[in-house]
Amino acid sequence: LKCDFLHCAAMPGKRFRQVSRAKALRMLMEAIREAAGDDVFILACGAPLGPCIGVADAARISADTAHHWYPVGPDIWGTRWYFKSDRTNLPAARNMVCSTLARLHMNSRLWVNDPDCLIIRKEVDLAEAQTLASVVAFSGGSVIFSDDLKSLPKDRLEILKALLPPMEIPAAEVHFTHEEIPSKVVTRLTAAVGSWRLCGLFAWQGGEVQLAMDQEYHAFEFWSHTYQRCRAGEVLSTGELKPRTGHLYALRPLEPDKAQYLGSNIHASCGFEVCNWEEADQSVCFSLHVKRLVAAPEVWIFLPKASKPRLEGTSLEAVEVHPQVWHFALPPLHAAGSTLRIDW
């Protein structure tokens, strides 16, 4: 049950009872909950957040998003600067990103975060669309979509697929500095393949973003499907980026004597797609499952001392993209999942 424009209940005005504006909104939310029942999922939109705590199941944590970065108002000479300067209320991708990154901690504590719908149609630059998708993934909340699926090119549709199912775990570290919008966001994840960090490095104004490495890491960048090894004391660098773009890295500490799953083109988490991982002598057996069809799945795996790894039951050949790091193109992954075995 989506309840929108809830701020209207907290606006100044005459009321049938002498209560504060926050109390008036709280009374409204409690009345809606009582009428809907406990089994109805309630989404509060356009609402002051405090009065919704404990009543709403999900809450819009940002302004409305849009396919344009800055707010756009009426095309009247002398007013454009005013609308462009808005940073909280008017529909714009910038306002969505800014508010969402400031409220990541609310997910799973107060409610399910709703960062508004993901817009990835052709009016949005592809790299910018990928970056907006990364922000939605870090929210750990709802993945809502409003573009016409039939009109989306394949590369745009793949962005949406990479977020499904949602991670449900919000980012744990947001680096707030003098910047208007945080450029570094990190979440710690754990699944069948162990523990790792998912790190977003964002260049909202363009340029280079760096992250210092405290130990040796595998670094797999999800959107470009590229790998690099980072040693202790080095920095992980995005290189020069266009404004409003970024990189999404899966960071795993190097374990030189152990097979390690590094990432895939299947899911933005680079790990939640694996529901089972078993390593034996010179072999690893693992299961992939994301509850949807993946026509051309690919995975990247660190295999110590491997020379010619083989994917059991296929004639597909692995490609070594870095010493001991192998790229595997897999058979189609069905909605029911698949179990695979690699020997070396």
C-alpha atoms as a PDB file:
ATOM      1  CA  LEU A   1       0.000   0.000   0.000  1.00  0.00           C
ATOM      2  CA  LYS A   2       1.764   3.170  -1.209  1.00  0.00           C
ATOM      3  CA  CYS A   3       0.833   6.328   0.689  1.00  0.00           C
ATOM      4  CA  ASP A   4       2.171   9.449  -1.022  1.00  0.00           C
ATOM      5  CA  PHE A   5       2.283  13.195  -0.281  1.00  0.00           C
ATOM      6  CA  LEU A   6       2.165  12.400   3.420  1.00  0.00           C
ATOM      7  CA  HIS A   7       3.889  15.681   4.260  1.00  0.00           C
ATOM      8  CA  CYS A   8       0.526  17.333   3.671  1.00  0.00           C
ATOM      9  CA  ALA A   9      -0.677  15.920   6.990  1.00  0.00           C
ATOM     10  CA  ALA A  10       2.144  17.776   8.744  1.00  0.00           C
ATOM     11  CA  MET A  11       1.654  21.145   7.078  1.00  0.00           C
ATOM     12  CA  PRO A  12       0.559  24.166   9.137  1.00  0.00           C
ATOM     13  CA  GLY A  13      -3.190  24.564   9.392  1.00  0.00           C
ATOM     14  CA  LYS A  14      -6.301  24.103  11.514  1.00  0.00           C
ATOM     15  CA  ARG A  15      -6.936  20.617  12.941  1.00  0.00           C
ATOM     16  CA  PHE A  16      -9.831  18.999  14.719  1.00  0.00           C
ATOM     17  CA  ARG A  17      -7.538  18.345  17.692  1.00  0.00           C
ATOM     18  CA  GLN A  18      -4.779  20.495  19.198  1.00  0.00           C
ATOM     19  CA  VAL A  19      -1.752  18.383  18.361  1.00  0.00           C
ATOM     20  CA  SER A  20       1.641  19.075  16.850  1.00  0.00           C
ATOM     21  CA  ARG A  21       2.185  18.615  13.139  1.00  0.00           C
ATOM     22  CA  ALA A  22       4.355  15.538  13.799  1.00  0.00           C
ATOM     23  CA  LYS A  23       1.622  14.069  16.008  1.00  0.00           C
ATOM     24  CA  ALA A  24      -0.992  14.684  13.309  1.00  0.00           C
ATOM     25  CA  LEU A  25       1.044  12.703  10.799  1.00  0.00           C
ATOM     26  CA  ARG A  26       1.642   9.977  13.360  1.00  0.00           C
ATOM     27  CA  MET A  27      -2.093   9.688  14.003  1.00  0.00           C
ATOM     28  CA  LEU A  28      -2.700   9.390  10.265  1.00  0.00           C
ATOM     29  CA  MET A  29      -0.112   6.628   9.887  1.00  0.00           C
ATOM     30  CA  GLU A  30      -1.523   4.726  12.851  1.00  0.00           C
ATOM     31  CA  ALA A  31      -5.038   4.994  11.390  1.00  0.00           C
ATOM     32  CA  ILE A  32      -3.805   3.670   8.043  1.00  0.00           C
ATOM     33  CA  ARG A  33      -2.009   0.788   9.733  1.00  0.00           C
ATOM     34  CA  GLU A  34      -5.051  -0.114  11.798  1.00  0.00           C
ATOM     35  CA  ALA A  35      -7.312  -0.065   8.721  1.00  0.00           C
ATOM     36  CA  ALA A  36      -4.879  -1.983   6.509  1.00  0.00           C
ATOM     37  CA  GLY A  37      -3.889  -4.593   9.064  1.00  0.00           C
ATOM     38  CA  ASP A  38      -0.513  -5.970  10.068  1.00  0.00           C
ATOM     39  CA  ASP A  39      -0.201  -8.194   6.991  1.00  0.00           C
ATOM     40  CA  VAL A  40      -0.241  -5.252   4.528  1.00  0.00           C
ATOM     41  CA  PHE A  41       3.125  -3.815   3.417  1.00  0.00           C
ATOM     42  CA  ILE A  42       2.922  -0.026   3.737  1.00  0.00           C
ATOM     43  CA  LEU A  43       5.260   2.302   1.821  1.00  0.00           C
ATOM     44  CA  ALA A  44       5.385   5.887   3.116  1.00  0.00           C
ATOM     45  CA  CYS A  45       6.343   8.460   0.465  1.00  0.00           C
ATOM     46  CA  GLY A  46       6.856  12.202   0.664  1.00  0.00           C
ATOM     47  CA  ALA A  47       6.781  11.994   4.430  1.00  0.00           C
ATOM     48  CA  PRO A  48       8.739  13.493   7.329  1.00  0.00           C
ATOM     49  CA  LEU A  49      10.547  10.380   8.505  1.00  0.00           C
ATOM     50  CA  GLY A  50      10.184  10.435  12.284  1.00  0.00           C
ATOM     51  CA  PRO A  51       6.394   9.953  12.574  1.00  0.00           C
ATOM     52  CA  CYS A  52       6.598   6.910  10.249  1.00  0.00           C
ATOM     53  CA  ILE A  53       8.995   4.900  12.418  1.00  0.00           C
ATOM     54  CA  GLY A  54       7.402   1.709  13.665  1.00  0.00           C
ATOM     55  CA  VAL A  55       4.343   2.078  11.441  1.00  0.00           C
ATOM     56  CA  ALA A  56       5.603   2.013   7.840  1.00  0.00           C
ATOM     57  CA  ASP A  57       7.260  -1.101   6.441  1.00  0.00           C
ATOM     58  CA  ALA A  58       9.179   0.967   3.867  1.00  0.00           C
ATOM     59  CA  ALA A  59       9.883   4.653   3.415  1.00  0.00           C
ATOM     60  CA  ARG A  60      11.022   6.859   0.550  1.00  0.00           C
ATOM     61  CA  ILE A  61      14.349   8.149   1.810  1.00  0.00           C
ATOM     62  CA  SER A  62      15.010  10.614  -0.997  1.00  0.00           C
ATOM     63  CA  ALA A  63      13.466  13.166  -3.273  1.00  0.00           C
ATOM     64  CA  ASP A  64      11.907  11.875  -6.466  1.00  0.00           C
ATOM     65  CA  THR A  65      14.521  10.859  -8.996  1.00  0.00           C
ATOM     66  CA  ALA A  66      14.552  11.845 -12.674  1.00  0.00           C
ATOM     67  CA  HIS A  67      16.431  11.120 -15.870  1.00  0.00           C
ATOM     68  CA  HIS A  68      18.245  14.467 -15.478  1.00  0.00           C
ATOM     69  CA  TRP A  69      20.978  15.082 -12.893  1.00  0.00           C
ATOM     70  CA  TYR A  70      20.017  18.615 -11.817  1.00  0.00           C
ATOM     71  CA  PRO A  71      16.474  19.759 -10.939  1.00  0.00           C
ATOM     72  CA  VAL A  72      14.564  21.285 -13.819  1.00  0.00           C
ATOM     73  CA  GLY A  73      11.811  23.859 -13.327  1.00  0.00           C
ATOM     74  CA  PRO A  74       9.701  25.994 -15.664  1.00  0.00           C
ATOM     75  CA  ASP A  75      11.721  27.286 -18.597  1.00  0.00           C
ATOM     76  CA  ILE A  76      11.430  30.920 -17.529  1.00  0.00           C
ATOM     77  CA  TRP A  77      14.365  33.251 -17.967  1.00  0.00           C
ATOM     78  CA  GLY A  78      15.932  34.256 -14.684  1.00  0.00           C
ATOM     79  CA  THR A  79      14.593  31.277 -12.691  1.00  0.00           C
ATOM     80  CA  ARG A  80      16.658  28.350 -13.977  1.00  0.00           C
ATOM     81  CA  TRP A  81      19.441  28.918 -11.420  1.00  0.00           C
ATOM     82  CA  TYR A  82      16.924  28.715  -8.574  1.00  0.00           C
ATOM     83  CA  PHE A  83      15.607  25.276  -9.511  1.00  0.00           C
ATOM     84  CA  LYS A  84      19.075  23.936 -10.363  1.00  0.00           C
ATOM     85  CA  SER A  85      20.343  24.918  -6.899  1.00  0.00           C
ATOM     86  CA  ASP A  86      17.706  22.833  -5.068  1.00  0.00           C
ATOM     87  CA  ARG A  87      19.370  19.919  -3.262  1.00  0.00           C
ATOM     88  CA  THR A  88      16.551  18.285  -1.318  1.00  0.00           C
ATOM     89  CA  ASN A  89      13.060  18.481  -2.777  1.00  0.00           C
ATOM     90  CA  LEU A  90      12.783  18.711  -6.559  1.00  0.00           C
ATOM     91  CA  PRO A  91      12.977  15.622  -8.785  1.00  0.00           C
ATOM     92  CA  ALA A  92      16.568  15.001  -9.883  1.00  0.00           C
ATOM     93  CA  ALA A  93      19.066  12.166  -9.885  1.00  0.00           C
ATOM     94  CA  ARG A  94      21.465  14.268  -7.799  1.00  0.00           C
ATOM     95  CA  ASN A  95      18.904  14.792  -5.042  1.00  0.00           C
ATOM     96  CA  MET A  96      18.077  11.078  -4.985  1.00  0.00           C
ATOM     97  CA  VAL A  97      21.745  10.097  -4.695  1.00  0.00           C
ATOM     98  CA  CYS A  98      22.568  12.677  -2.030  1.00  0.00           C
ATOM     99  CA  SER A  99      19.676  11.739   0.286  1.00  0.00           C
ATOM    100  CA  THR A 100      19.981   7.987  -0.295  1.00  0.00           C
ATOM    101  CA  LEU A 101      23.681   7.850   0.616  1.00  0.00           C
ATOM    102  CA  ALA A 102      23.006   9.903   3.760  1.00  0.00           C
ATOM    103  CA  ARG A 103      20.294   7.483   4.948  1.00  0.00           C
ATOM    104  CA  LEU A 104      21.696   4.049   4.140  1.00  0.00           C
ATOM    105  CA  HIS A 105      21.872   3.194   7.846  1.00  0.00           C
ATOM    106  CA  MET A 106      18.076   3.273   8.134  1.00  0.00           C
ATOM    107  CA  ASN A 107      17.533   0.129   6.070  1.00  0.00           C
ATOM    108  CA  SER A 108      16.619  -2.969   8.113  1.00  0.00           C
ATOM    109  CA  ARG A 109      16.680  -0.846  11.262  1.00  0.00           C
ATOM    110  CA  LEU A 110      13.721   1.456  10.782  1.00  0.00           C
ATOM    111  CA  TRP A 111      12.188   0.037   7.597  1.00  0.00           C
ATOM    112  CA  VAL A 112      13.036  -1.046   4.057  1.00  0.00           C
ATOM    113  CA  ASN A 113      14.725   1.848   2.263  1.00  0.00           C
ATOM    114  CA  ASP A 114      13.056   3.092  -0.914  1.00  0.00           C
ATOM    115  CA  PRO A 115      15.513   5.159  -2.999  1.00  0.00           C
ATOM    116  CA  ASP A 116      12.815   5.728  -5.655  1.00  0.00           C
ATOM    117  CA  CYS A 117      12.698   4.032  -9.019  1.00  0.00           C
ATOM    118  CA  LEU A 118      15.812   3.248 -11.021  1.00  0.00           C
ATOM    119  CA  ILE A 119      15.851   5.146 -14.334  1.00  0.00           C
ATOM    120  CA  ILE A 120      18.226   3.654 -16.927  1.00  0.00           C
ATOM    121  CA  ARG A 121      16.572   4.537 -20.234  1.00  0.00           C
ATOM    122  CA  LYS A 122      18.636   5.874 -23.131  1.00  0.00           C
ATOM    123  CA  GLU A 123      18.334   9.480 -21.977  1.00  0.00           C
ATOM    124  CA  VAL A 124      20.749   8.546 -19.179  1.00  0.00           C
ATOM    125  CA  ASP A 125      24.391   7.936 -20.118  1.00  0.00           C
ATOM    126  CA  LEU A 126      25.226   4.215 -19.787  1.00  0.00           C
ATOM    127  CA  ALA A 127      28.049   4.707 -17.280  1.00  0.00           C
ATOM    128  CA  GLU A 128      25.860   7.070 -15.267  1.00  0.00           C
ATOM    129  CA  ALA A 129      23.026   4.517 -15.284  1.00  0.00           C
ATOM    130  CA  GLN A 130      25.417   1.876 -13.921  1.00  0.00           C
ATOM    131  CA  THR A 131      26.490   4.267 -11.175  1.00  0.00           C
ATOM    132  CA  LEU A 132      22.891   5.031 -10.190  1.00  0.00           C
ATOM    133  CA  ALA A 133      22.273   1.286 -10.060  1.00  0.00           C
ATOM    134  CA  SER A 134      25.249   0.933  -7.698  1.00  0.00           C
ATOM    135  CA  VAL A 135      23.664   3.512  -5.361  1.00  0.00           C
ATOM    136  CA  VAL A 136      20.380   1.593  -5.391  1.00  0.00           C
ATOM    137  CA  ALA A 137      22.263  -1.633  -4.631  1.00  0.00           C
ATOM    138  CA  PHE A 138      24.045  -0.025  -1.664  1.00  0.00           C
ATOM    139  CA  SER A 139      20.716   1.141  -0.221  1.00  0.00           C
ATOM    140  CA  GLY A 140      19.929  -2.501   0.521  1.00  0.00           C
ATOM    141  CA  GLY A 141      16.245  -1.758   0.062  1.00  0.00           C
ATOM    142  CA  SER A 142      13.644  -1.798  -2.658  1.00  0.00           C
ATOM    143  CA  VAL A 143      14.546  -2.099  -6.329  1.00  0.00           C
ATOM    144  CA  ILE A 144      11.729  -0.281  -8.132  1.00  0.00           C
ATOM    145  CA  PHE A 145      11.686   0.121 -11.884  1.00  0.00           C
ATOM    146  CA  SER A 146       9.506   2.213 -14.179  1.00  0.00           C
ATOM    147  CA  ASP A 147      11.118   2.220 -17.652  1.00  0.00           C
ATOM    148  CA  ASP A 148       9.419   0.331 -20.473  1.00  0.00           C
ATOM    149  CA  LEU A 149      11.213  -3.035 -20.523  1.00  0.00           C
ATOM    150  CA  LYS A 150      10.322  -3.688 -24.166  1.00  0.00           C
ATOM    151  CA  SER A 151      12.082  -0.529 -25.321  1.00  0.00           C
ATOM    152  CA  LEU A 152      15.286  -0.999 -23.325  1.00  0.00           C
ATOM    153  CA  PRO A 153      18.461  -2.071 -25.180  1.00  0.00           C
ATOM    154  CA  LYS A 154      20.106  -5.255 -23.912  1.00  0.00           C
ATOM    155  CA  ASP A 155      22.941  -3.443 -22.117  1.00  0.00           C
ATOM    156  CA  ARG A 156      20.395  -1.375 -20.153  1.00  0.00           C
ATOM    157  CA  LEU A 157      18.293  -4.386 -19.242  1.00  0.00           C
ATOM    158  CA  GLU A 158      21.409  -6.135 -17.920  1.00  0.00           C
ATOM    159  CA  ILE A 159      21.844  -3.318 -15.395  1.00  0.00           C
ATOM    160  CA  LEU A 160      18.455  -4.063 -13.874  1.00  0.00           C
ATOM    161  CA  LYS A 161      19.032  -7.820 -13.864  1.00  0.00           C
ATOM    162  CA  ALA A 162      22.306  -7.381 -11.989  1.00  0.00           C
ATOM    163  CA  LEU A 163      20.383  -5.972  -8.990  1.00  0.00           C
ATOM    164  CA  LEU A 164      17.980  -8.913  -8.720  1.00  0.00           C
ATOM    165  CA  PRO A 165      17.411 -10.248  -6.183  1.00  0.00           C
ATOM    166  CA  PRO A 166      18.138  -7.166  -4.012  1.00  0.00           C
ATOM    167  CA  MET A 167      21.107  -7.428  -1.623  1.00  0.00           C
ATOM    168  CA  GLU A 168      19.020  -6.379   1.426  1.00  0.00           C
ATOM    169  CA  ILE A 169      22.221  -5.386   3.268  1.00  0.00           C
ATOM    170  CA  PRO A 170      22.917  -1.636   3.257  1.00  0.00           C
ATOM    171  CA  ALA A 171      26.377  -0.127   3.107  1.00  0.00           C
ATOM    172  CA  ALA A 172      28.116  -0.032   6.484  1.00  0.00           C
ATOM    173  CA  GLU A 173      30.685   2.673   5.723  1.00  0.00           C
ATOM    174  CA  VAL A 174      29.962   5.982   4.020  1.00  0.00           C
ATOM    175  CA  HIS A 175      32.936   8.346   3.823  1.00  0.00           C
ATOM    176  CA  PHE A 176      31.479  11.776   4.619  1.00  0.00           C
ATOM    177  CA  THR A 177      33.997  14.520   3.941  1.00  0.00           C
ATOM    178  CA  HIS A 178      33.849  18.070   2.596  1.00  0.00           C
ATOM    179  CA  GLU A 179      32.253  16.701  -0.585  1.00  0.00           C
ATOM    180  CA  GLU A 180      28.593  17.400  -1.268  1.00  0.00           C
ATOM    181  CA  ILE A 181      27.976  13.729  -2.060  1.00  0.00           C
ATOM    182  CA  PRO A 182      30.120  10.917  -0.578  1.00  0.00           C
ATOM    183  CA  SER A 183      32.578   9.445  -3.072  1.00  0.00           C
ATOM    184  CA  LYS A 184      33.384   6.247  -1.152  1.00  0.00           C
ATOM    185  CA  VAL A 185      30.814   3.715   0.052  1.00  0.00           C
ATOM    186  CA  VAL A 186      31.645   0.276   1.466  1.00  0.00           C
ATOM    187  CA  THR A 187      29.554  -2.662   2.661  1.00  0.00           C
ATOM    188  CA  ARG A 188      30.777  -5.912   4.191  1.00  0.00           C
ATOM    189  CA  LEU A 189      29.146  -9.042   2.815  1.00  0.00           C
ATOM    190  CA  THR A 190      29.218 -12.713   3.782  1.00  0.00           C
ATOM    191  CA  ALA A 191      27.889 -15.679   1.817  1.00  0.00           C
ATOM    192  CA  ALA A 192      28.872 -19.205   0.783  1.00  0.00           C
ATOM    193  CA  VAL A 193      32.091 -17.884  -0.776  1.00  0.00           C
ATOM    194  CA  GLY A 194      33.237 -16.271   2.487  1.00  0.00           C
ATOM    195  CA  SER A 195      33.465 -12.586   3.400  1.00  0.00           C
ATOM    196  CA  TRP A 196      34.356  -9.647   1.203  1.00  0.00           C
ATOM    197  CA  ARG A 197      33.889  -5.912   0.844  1.00  0.00           C
ATOM    198  CA  LEU A 198      31.807  -4.296  -1.872  1.00  0.00           C
ATOM    199  CA  CYS A 199      33.156  -0.826  -2.513  1.00  0.00           C
ATOM    200  CA  GLY A 200      31.752   2.001  -4.604  1.00  0.00           C
ATOM    201  CA  LEU A 201      34.131   4.738  -5.742  1.00  0.00           C
ATOM    202  CA  PHE A 202      32.171   7.602  -7.295  1.00  0.00           C
ATOM    203  CA  ALA A 203      33.429  10.671  -9.185  1.00  0.00           C
ATOM    204  CA  TRP A 204      30.374  12.915  -8.954  1.00  0.00           C
ATOM    205  CA  GLN A 205      32.324  15.904 -10.264  1.00  0.00           C
ATOM    206  CA  GLY A 206      34.631  13.828 -12.453  1.00  0.00           C
ATOM    207  CA  GLY A 207      38.288  12.968 -11.896  1.00  0.00           C
ATOM    208  CA  GLU A 208      40.069  10.194 -10.015  1.00  0.00           C
ATOM    209  CA  VAL A 209      38.957   8.455  -6.805  1.00  0.00           C
ATOM    210  CA  GLN A 210      41.370   6.391  -4.690  1.00  0.00           C
ATOM    211  CA  LEU A 211      41.099   3.938  -1.813  1.00  0.00           C
ATOM    212  CA  ALA A 212      44.110   2.939   0.291  1.00  0.00           C
ATOM    213  CA  MET A 213      44.771  -0.799   0.668  1.00  0.00           C
ATOM    214  CA  ASP A 214      45.710  -2.090   4.132  1.00  0.00           C
ATOM    215  CA  GLN A 215      46.646  -5.556   2.804  1.00  0.00           C
ATOM    216  CA  GLU A 216      46.888  -7.436  -0.486  1.00  0.00           C
ATOM    217  CA  TYR A 217      43.523  -7.650  -2.233  1.00  0.00           C
ATOM    218  CA  HIS A 218      41.851  -9.100  -5.282  1.00  0.00           C
ATOM    219  CA  ALA A 219      39.909  -6.217  -6.835  1.00  0.00           C
ATOM    220  CA  PHE A 220      37.174  -7.115  -9.336  1.00  0.00           C
ATOM    221  CA  GLU A 221      35.263  -4.261 -10.969  1.00  0.00           C
ATOM    222  CA  PHE A 222      31.733  -5.417 -11.687  1.00  0.00           C
ATOM    223  CA  TRP A 223      30.537  -3.157 -14.501  1.00  0.00           C
ATOM    224  CA  SER A 224      33.663  -3.467 -16.667  1.00  0.00           C
ATOM    225  CA  HIS A 225      34.449  -7.063 -15.599  1.00  0.00           C
ATOM    226  CA  THR A 226      38.091  -6.194 -15.004  1.00  0.00           C
ATOM    227  CA  TYR A 227      40.529  -7.525 -12.402  1.00  0.00           C
ATOM    228  CA  GLN A 228      43.582  -6.111 -10.679  1.00  0.00           C
ATOM    229  CA  ARG A 229      45.798  -7.110  -7.763  1.00  0.00           C
ATOM    230  CA  CYS A 230      46.392  -4.460  -5.096  1.00  0.00           C
ATOM    231  CA  ARG A 231      49.263  -4.823  -2.646  1.00  0.00           C
ATOM    232  CA  ALA A 232      49.398  -3.512   0.916  1.00  0.00           C
ATOM    233  CA  GLY A 233      50.248   0.166   0.982  1.00  0.00           C
ATOM    234  CA  GLU A 234      49.074   0.744  -2.578  1.00  0.00           C
ATOM    235  CA  VAL A 235      45.953   2.616  -3.602  1.00  0.00           C
ATOM    236  CA  LEU A 236      43.075   1.313  -5.667  1.00  0.00           C
ATOM    237  CA  SER A 237      42.472   3.969  -8.310  1.00  0.00           C
ATOM    238  CA  THR A 238      39.556   4.455 -10.680  1.00  0.00           C
ATOM    239  CA  GLY A 239      41.646   6.473 -13.102  1.00  0.00           C
ATOM    240  CA  GLU A 240      40.084   9.558 -14.639  1.00  0.00           C
ATOM    241  CA  LEU A 241      36.293   9.265 -14.720  1.00  0.00           C
ATOM    242  CA  LYS A 242      33.574  11.350 -16.309  1.00  0.00           C
ATOM    243  CA  PRO A 243      31.292  13.271 -13.942  1.00  0.00           C
ATOM    244  CA  ARG A 244      28.541  11.212 -12.297  1.00  0.00           C
ATOM    245  CA  THR A 245      30.231   7.868 -12.957  1.00  0.00           C
ATOM    246  CA  GLY A 246      32.016   5.380 -10.740  1.00  0.00           C
ATOM    247  CA  HIS A 247      33.371   1.889 -10.202  1.00  0.00           C
ATOM    248  CA  LEU A 248      31.928  -0.982  -8.171  1.00  0.00           C
ATOM    249  CA  TYR A 249      34.646  -3.222  -6.714  1.00  0.00           C
ATOM    250  CA  ALA A 250      34.497  -6.573  -4.932  1.00  0.00           C
ATOM    251  CA  LEU A 251      37.541  -6.622  -2.629  1.00  0.00           C
ATOM    252  CA  ARG A 252      38.798  -9.921  -1.222  1.00  0.00           C
ATOM    253  CA  PRO A 253      42.007 -10.413   0.780  1.00  0.00           C
ATOM    254  CA  LEU A 254      44.425 -12.640  -1.119  1.00  0.00           C
ATOM    255  CA  GLU A 255      44.638 -16.200   0.213  1.00  0.00           C
ATOM    256  CA  PRO A 256      47.509 -17.626  -1.877  1.00  0.00           C
ATOM    257  CA  ASP A 257      46.826 -21.309  -1.190  1.00  0.00           C
ATOM    258  CA  LYS A 258      43.056 -21.280  -1.544  1.00  0.00           C
ATOM    259  CA  ALA A 259      40.656 -21.113  -4.489  1.00  0.00           C
ATOM    260  CA  GLN A 260      38.721 -17.838  -4.305  1.00  0.00           C
ATOM    261  CA  TYR A 261      35.598 -16.675  -6.074  1.00  0.00           C
ATOM    262  CA  LEU A 262      36.247 -13.125  -7.284  1.00  0.00           C
ATOM    263  CA  GLY A 263      33.130 -12.020  -9.138  1.00  0.00           C
ATOM    264  CA  SER A 264      30.768 -12.508 -12.048  1.00  0.00           C
ATOM    265  CA  ASN A 265      28.534 -10.740 -14.543  1.00  0.00           C
ATOM    266  CA  ILE A 266      25.506 -12.252 -12.787  1.00  0.00           C
ATOM    267  CA  HIS A 267      24.883 -10.155  -9.670  1.00  0.00           C
ATOM    268  CA  ALA A 268      26.222  -6.800  -8.498  1.00  0.00           C
ATOM    269  CA  SER A 269      27.185  -8.230  -5.108  1.00  0.00           C
ATOM    270  CA  CYS A 270      29.839 -10.442  -6.746  1.00  0.00           C
ATOM    271  CA  GLY A 271      29.065 -13.278  -4.357  1.00  0.00           C
ATOM    272  CA  PHE A 272      25.408 -13.635  -3.378  1.00  0.00           C
ATOM    273  CA  GLU A 273      24.789 -15.556  -6.600  1.00  0.00           C
ATOM    274  CA  VAL A 274      26.817 -18.464  -5.141  1.00  0.00           C
ATOM    275  CA  CYS A 275      24.760 -20.593  -2.759  1.00  0.00           C
ATOM    276  CA  ASN A 276      27.324 -23.372  -2.240  1.00  0.00           C
ATOM    277  CA  TRP A 277      31.140 -23.504  -2.464  1.00  0.00           C
ATOM    278  CA  GLU A 278      33.220 -26.595  -1.715  1.00  0.00           C
ATOM    279  CA  GLU A 279      36.931 -26.876  -2.395  1.00  0.00           C
ATOM    280  CA  ALA A 280      38.743 -30.229  -2.523  1.00  0.00           C
ATOM    281  CA  ASP A 281      42.170 -31.280  -3.759  1.00  0.00           C
ATOM    282  CA  GLN A 282      42.703 -29.440  -7.068  1.00  0.00           C
ATOM    283  CA  SER A 283      38.968 -28.958  -7.599  1.00  0.00           C
ATOM    284  CA  VAL A 284      36.090 -26.727  -6.570  1.00  0.00           C
ATOM    285  CA  CYS A 285      32.356 -27.424  -6.761  1.00  0.00           C
ATOM    286  CA  PHE A 286      29.909 -24.528  -6.541  1.00  0.00           C
ATOM    287  CA  SER A 287      26.243 -23.729  -7.152  1.00  0.00           C
ATOM    288  CA  LEU A 288      24.826 -20.578  -8.750  1.00  0.00           C
ATOM    289  CA  HIS A 289      21.255 -19.429  -8.169  1.00  0.00           C
ATOM    290  CA  VAL A 290      19.588 -16.030  -8.679  1.00  0.00           C
ATOM    291  CA  LYS A 291      16.008 -17.208  -9.355  1.00  0.00           C
ATOM    292  CA  ARG A 292      16.155 -16.064 -12.973  1.00  0.00           C
ATOM    293  CA  LEU A 293      17.592 -17.138 -16.306  1.00  0.00           C
ATOM    294  CA  VAL A 294      21.092 -15.904 -17.173  1.00  0.00           C
ATOM    295  CA  ALA A 295      21.798 -16.580 -20.838  1.00  0.00           C
ATOM    296  CA  ALA A 296      25.571 -16.072 -20.785  1.00  0.00           C
ATOM    297  CA  PRO A 297      26.958 -16.241 -17.231  1.00  0.00           C
ATOM    298  CA  GLU A 298      30.623 -15.565 -16.611  1.00  0.00           C
ATOM    299  CA  VAL A 299      32.718 -15.968 -13.453  1.00  0.00           C
ATOM    300  CA  TRP A 300      36.247 -15.031 -12.401  1.00  0.00           C
ATOM    301  CA  ILE A 301      38.058 -17.357  -9.972  1.00  0.00           C
ATOM    302  CA  PHE A 302      41.511 -17.396  -8.372  1.00  0.00           C
ATOM    303  CA  LEU A 303      42.971 -20.907  -8.716  1.00  0.00           C
ATOM    304  CA  PRO A 304      46.401 -21.355  -7.097  1.00  0.00           C
ATOM    305  CA  LYS A 305      48.914 -23.368  -9.149  1.00  0.00           C
ATOM    306  CA  ALA A 306      46.378 -24.074 -11.911  1.00  0.00           C
ATOM    307  CA  SER A 307      47.683 -24.570 -15.445  1.00  0.00           C
ATOM    308  CA  LYS A 308      44.694 -25.667 -17.539  1.00  0.00           C
ATOM    309  CA  PRO A 309      41.537 -25.697 -15.429  1.00  0.00           C
ATOM    310  CA  ARG A 310      38.600 -27.643 -16.851  1.00  0.00           C
ATOM    311  CA  LEU A 311      34.891 -27.049 -16.391  1.00  0.00           C
ATOM    312  CA  GLU A 312      33.386 -30.499 -15.929  1.00  0.00           C
ATOM    313  CA  GLY A 313      30.935 -31.635 -18.607  1.00  0.00           C
ATOM    314  CA  THR A 314      31.846 -28.957 -21.144  1.00  0.00           C
ATOM    315  CA  SER A 315      34.512 -28.237 -23.736  1.00  0.00           C
ATOM    316  CA  LEU A 316      34.622 -24.549 -22.775  1.00  0.00           C
ATOM    317  CA  GLU A 317      38.140 -23.251 -22.175  1.00  0.00           C
ATOM    318  CA  ALA A 318      39.093 -20.883 -19.369  1.00  0.00           C
ATOM    319  CA  VAL A 319      41.146 -17.760 -20.036  1.00  0.00           C
ATOM    320  CA  GLU A 320      43.879 -16.624 -17.642  1.00  0.00           C
ATOM    321  CA  VAL A 321      43.389 -12.856 -17.247  1.00  0.00           C
ATOM    322  CA  HIS A 322      46.069 -12.462 -14.561  1.00  0.00           C
ATOM    323  CA  PRO A 323      48.506 -14.965 -13.055  1.00  0.00           C
ATOM    324  CA  GLN A 324      46.293 -17.634 -11.407  1.00  0.00           C
ATOM    325  CA  VAL A 325      43.084 -15.672 -12.103  1.00  0.00           C
ATOM    326  CA  TRP A 326      40.793 -17.422 -14.581  1.00  0.00           C
ATOM    327  CA  HIS A 327      37.747 -16.278 -16.511  1.00  0.00           C
ATOM    328  CA  PHE A 328      35.100 -18.930 -17.229  1.00  0.00           C
ATOM    329  CA  ALA A 329      32.247 -18.510 -19.721  1.00  0.00           C
ATOM    330  CA  LEU A 330      29.549 -20.851 -18.413  1.00  0.00           C
ATOM    331  CA  PRO A 331      26.556 -22.643 -19.924  1.00  0.00           C
ATOM    332  CA  PRO A 332      23.197 -20.838 -19.461  1.00  0.00           C
ATOM    333  CA  LEU A 333      22.097 -20.550 -15.854  1.00  0.00           C
ATOM    334  CA  HIS A 334      18.482 -21.609 -15.377  1.00  0.00           C
ATOM    335  CA  ALA A 335      16.062 -20.146 -12.862  1.00  0.00           C
ATOM    336  CA  ALA A 336      16.355 -23.290 -10.753  1.00  0.00           C
ATOM    337  CA  GLY A 337      20.125 -22.810 -10.518  1.00  0.00           C
ATOM    338  CA  SER A 338      23.124 -24.883 -11.624  1.00  0.00           C
ATOM    339  CA  THR A 339      25.946 -26.797  -9.948  1.00  0.00           C
ATOM    340  CA  LEU A 340      29.385 -26.684 -11.566  1.00  0.00           C
ATOM    341  CA  ARG A 341      32.756 -28.285 -10.942  1.00  0.00           C
ATOM    342  CA  ILE A 342      36.201 -27.061 -11.937  1.00  0.00           C
ATOM    343  CA  ASP A 343      39.291 -29.298 -11.844  1.00  0.00           C
ATOM    344  CA  TRP A 344      42.916 -28.281 -12.306  1.00  0.00           C
END
